[in-house]
């Protein structure tokens, strides 16, 4: 969640974790927020369990998650401020799912993501 694309997510997660959920802020609103050190620590811990990055990084991360949990399905969320960017994120994951049947191992011949 680094850079402007991740700022709204970080800003939305902090109040939600404290029981005060709200709307997803714009990148500008999120960038201007003065995070405390404990909020930074919370966000670092949370990010460690997320799959973020390029299509190949996401493929590897989801494959590792499936292998570690033996899950037979995944439910994905994309917290992105711009609706077009959010749609593109899901399109990229759908493309990974579409190619899963041609791969071996996790995210492979089983057709699972």
Protein backbone atom coordinates (compact mmCIF):
# COMPACT_ATOMS: atom_id res chain seq x y z
CA UNK A 1 0.00 0.00 0.00
CA UNK A 2 2.70 2.39 -0.84
CA UNK A 3 2.27 5.48 -2.95
CA UNK A 4 -0.90 7.38 -3.79
CA UNK A 5 -2.90 4.28 -4.79
CA UNK A 6 -2.59 2.85 -1.28
CA UNK A 7 -3.20 6.03 0.70
CA UNK A 8 -7.02 5.86 0.74
CA UNK A 9 -6.92 2.28 2.01
CA UNK A 10 -4.55 3.16 4.83
CA UNK A 11 -6.67 6.15 5.80
CA UNK A 12 -9.92 4.13 5.75
CA UNK A 13 -8.50 1.22 7.75
CA UNK A 14 -7.37 3.28 10.74
CA UNK A 15 -10.81 4.51 11.86
CA UNK A 16 -12.49 1.25 10.86
CA UNK A 17 -10.16 -0.68 13.16
CA UNK A 18 -11.18 1.65 15.98
CA UNK A 19 -14.87 0.96 15.31
CA UNK A 20 -15.47 4.15 13.34
CA UNK A 21 -15.84 3.04 9.70
CA UNK A 22 -16.43 5.68 7.06
CA UNK A 23 -16.17 6.35 3.37
CA UNK A 24 -13.02 5.66 1.37
CA UNK A 25 -11.17 9.00 1.23
CA UNK A 26 -9.56 10.48 -1.86
CA UNK A 27 -5.80 10.00 -2.30
CA UNK A 28 -5.32 13.67 -1.41
CA UNK A 29 -7.32 13.39 1.82
CA UNK A 30 -5.47 10.26 2.80
CA UNK A 31 -2.04 11.71 2.04
CA UNK A 32 -2.77 14.69 4.27
CA UNK A 33 -3.72 12.56 7.29
CA UNK A 34 -1.18 12.77 10.17
CA UNK A 35 -0.71 9.09 11.11
CA UNK A 36 0.55 8.32 14.60
CA UNK A 37 3.38 5.83 15.12
CA UNK A 38 0.91 3.26 16.46
CA UNK A 39 -1.26 3.70 13.36
CA UNK A 40 1.81 3.17 11.16
CA UNK A 41 2.63 0.00 13.10
CA UNK A 42 -0.95 -1.26 12.75
CA UNK A 43 -0.89 -0.62 9.00
CA UNK A 44 2.47 -2.40 8.55
CA UNK A 45 1.09 -5.43 10.40
CA UNK A 46 -2.09 -5.42 8.31
CA UNK A 47 -0.21 -5.08 5.02
CA UNK A 48 1.87 -8.16 5.85
CA UNK A 49 -1.24 -10.30 5.34
CA UNK A 50 -2.37 -8.68 2.09
CA UNK A 51 -1.62 -9.65 -1.51
CA UNK A 52 -0.62 -6.48 -3.35
CA UNK A 53 1.38 -5.76 -6.47
CA UNK A 54 1.91 -6.75 -10.06
CA UNK A 55 -0.13 -9.56 -11.63
CA UNK A 56 2.77 -11.97 -11.06
CA UNK A 57 3.14 -10.95 -7.39
CA UNK A 58 -0.61 -11.37 -6.90
CA UNK A 59 -0.55 -14.77 -8.62
CA UNK A 60 2.26 -15.95 -6.35
CA UNK A 61 0.60 -14.49 -3.26
CA UNK A 62 -2.77 -16.07 -3.96
CA UNK A 63 -1.12 -19.39 -4.82
CA UNK A 64 0.71 -19.29 -1.49
CA UNK A 65 -2.50 -18.44 0.34
CA UNK A 66 -4.34 -21.34 -1.30
CA UNK A 67 -1.49 -23.72 -0.50
CA UNK A 68 -1.23 -22.57 3.12
CA UNK A 69 -4.96 -22.71 3.82
CA UNK A 70 -6.20 -25.45 1.45
CA UNK A 71 -9.12 -23.12 0.68
CA UNK A 72 -11.36 -24.05 -2.21
CA UNK A 73 -12.41 -20.49 -2.95
CA UNK A 74 -11.29 -16.93 -2.32
CA UNK A 75 -13.30 -13.78 -1.72
CA UNK A 76 -11.41 -10.72 -2.89
CA UNK A 77 -11.86 -7.05 -2.13
CA UNK A 78 -10.19 -4.11 -3.77
CA UNK A 79 -10.22 -0.86 -1.85
CA UNK A 80 -9.34 1.60 -4.59
CA UNK A 81 -10.75 5.14 -4.70
CA UNK A 82 -11.26 5.38 -8.48
CA UNK A 83 -14.02 3.03 -9.73
CA UNK A 84 -12.22 2.47 -13.05
CA UNK A 85 -9.05 1.43 -11.21
CA UNK A 86 -11.10 -0.86 -8.96
CA UNK A 87 -12.67 -2.53 -12.01
CA UNK A 88 -9.24 -2.92 -13.62
CA UNK A 89 -7.96 -4.63 -10.48
CA UNK A 90 -10.75 -7.20 -10.66
CA UNK A 91 -10.16 -7.64 -14.40
CA UNK A 92 -6.52 -8.46 -13.73
CA UNK A 93 -7.46 -11.07 -11.11
CA UNK A 94 -10.07 -12.52 -13.49
CA UNK A 95 -7.36 -12.87 -16.13
CA UNK A 96 -5.28 -14.83 -13.62
CA UNK A 97 -8.26 -17.10 -12.97
CA UNK A 98 -8.80 -17.61 -16.69
CA UNK A 99 -5.22 -18.79 -17.14
CA UNK A 100 -5.25 -20.97 -14.01
CA UNK A 101 -6.46 -24.02 -15.93
CA UNK A 102 -3.33 -24.00 -18.09
CA UNK A 103 -0.89 -24.00 -15.15
CA UNK A 104 0.18 -26.81 -12.87
CA UNK A 105 0.14 -26.71 -9.08
CA UNK A 106 -1.62 -24.04 -7.02
CA UNK A 107 -3.72 -21.82 -9.25
CA UNK A 108 -3.17 -24.42 -11.94
CA UNK A 109 -4.80 -27.52 -13.27
CA UNK A 110 -7.50 -27.46 -10.60
CA UNK A 111 -8.83 -24.27 -12.20
CA UNK A 112 -8.69 -22.57 -8.82
CA UNK A 113 -7.37 -19.10 -8.31
